[in-house]
Amino acid sequence: MQVPLWFALLVVGYLGVRLIRPPVWLVGVLLLGGFLLADSVLAPAINSLVK
C-alpha cells in the first residue's frame, strides 16, 4: 500500500493536534521542517544518524 507523503503528513498532524493538544503552529513547523529536510542535501546525513 502506497500512501502519498502529503497525505501521511496531514494525518500525522491531525492526530497529533487531536491527541496531544500542542499548538497548531508548532505541529505545522515541525511537519514542514521535516518535509523540507527530507528533500534536502542533508537527508543522507540525517538518515545515517537515525539508523
C-alpha atoms as a PDB file:
ATOM      1  CA  MET A   1       0.000   0.000   0.000  1.00  0.00           C
ATOM      2  CA  GLN A   2       1.491   3.307  -1.079  1.00  0.00           C
ATOM      3  CA  VAL A   3       0.335   6.472   0.622  1.00  0.00           C
ATOM      4  CA  PRO A   4       1.316   9.917  -0.690  1.00  0.00           C
ATOM      5  CA  LEU A   5       3.680  11.778   1.614  1.00  0.00           C
ATOM      6  CA  TRP A   6       1.412  14.831   1.821  1.00  0.00           C
ATOM      7  CA  PHE A   7      -1.484  12.655   2.971  1.00  0.00           C
ATOM      8  CA  ALA A   8       0.610  10.895   5.617  1.00  0.00           C
ATOM      9  CA  LEU A   9       1.815  14.262   6.939  1.00  0.00           C
ATOM     10  CA  LEU A  10      -1.725  15.545   7.050  1.00  0.00           C
ATOM     11  CA  VAL A  11      -2.923  12.518   9.041  1.00  0.00           C
ATOM     12  CA  VAL A  12       0.007  12.656  11.469  1.00  0.00           C
ATOM     13  CA  GLY A  13      -0.518  16.375  12.023  1.00  0.00           C
ATOM     14  CA  TYR A  14      -4.248  15.961  12.594  1.00  0.00           C
ATOM     15  CA  LEU A  15      -3.797  13.104  15.058  1.00  0.00           C
ATOM     16  CA  GLY A  16      -1.013  14.935  16.874  1.00  0.00           C
ATOM     17  CA  VAL A  17      -3.179  18.001  17.387  1.00  0.00           C
ATOM     18  CA  ARG A  18      -6.216  15.978  18.428  1.00  0.00           C
ATOM     19  CA  LEU A  19      -4.432  13.624  20.848  1.00  0.00           C
ATOM     20  CA  ILE A  20      -1.599  15.649  22.381  1.00  0.00           C
ATOM     21  CA  ARG A  21      -3.037  19.191  22.026  1.00  0.00           C
ATOM     22  CA  PRO A  22       0.167  21.101  21.193  1.00  0.00           C
ATOM     23  CA  PRO A  23      -0.158  24.475  19.480  1.00  0.00           C
ATOM     24  CA  VAL A  24      -1.177  24.015  15.846  1.00  0.00           C
ATOM     25  CA  TRP A  25       1.635  26.291  14.640  1.00  0.00           C
ATOM     26  CA  LEU A  26       4.205  24.051  16.329  1.00  0.00           C
ATOM     27  CA  VAL A  27       2.887  20.965  14.579  1.00  0.00           C
ATOM     28  CA  GLY A  28       2.930  22.818  11.272  1.00  0.00           C
ATOM     29  CA  VAL A  29       6.509  23.982  11.734  1.00  0.00           C
ATOM     30  CA  LEU A  30       7.718  20.504  12.685  1.00  0.00           C
ATOM     31  CA  LEU A  31       5.951  18.812   9.794  1.00  0.00           C
ATOM     32  CA  LEU A  32       7.038  21.385   7.232  1.00  0.00           C
ATOM     33  CA  GLY A  33      10.607  21.356   8.555  1.00  0.00           C
ATOM     34  CA  GLY A  34      10.760  17.570   8.384  1.00  0.00           C
ATOM     35  CA  PHE A  35       9.350  17.568   4.871  1.00  0.00           C
ATOM     36  CA  LEU A  36      11.887  20.144   3.706  1.00  0.00           C
ATOM     37  CA  LEU A  37      14.813  18.358   5.390  1.00  0.00           C
ATOM     38  CA  ALA A  38      13.839  15.048   3.813  1.00  0.00           C
ATOM     39  CA  ASP A  39      14.288  16.548   0.358  1.00  0.00           C
ATOM     40  CA  SER A  40      17.491  18.474   1.077  1.00  0.00           C
ATOM     41  CA  VAL A  41      21.183  17.665   0.724  1.00  0.00           C
ATOM     42  CA  LEU A  42      21.218  16.905   4.459  1.00  0.00           C
ATOM     43  CA  ALA A  43      18.940  13.877   4.033  1.00  0.00           C
ATOM     44  CA  PRO A  44      21.781  11.289   3.788  1.00  0.00           C
ATOM     45  CA  ALA A  45      23.426  12.659   6.942  1.00  0.00           C
ATOM     46  CA  ILE A  46      20.143  12.624   8.847  1.00  0.00           C
ATOM     47  CA  ASN A  47      19.404   9.113   7.589  1.00  0.00           C
ATOM     48  CA  SER A  48      22.746   7.798   8.866  1.00  0.00           C
ATOM     49  CA  LEU A  49      22.129   9.406  12.285  1.00  0.00           C
ATOM     50  CA  VAL A  50      18.664   7.910  12.580  1.00  0.00           C
ATOM     51  CA  LYS A  51      19.790   4.389  11.711  1.00  0.00           C
END
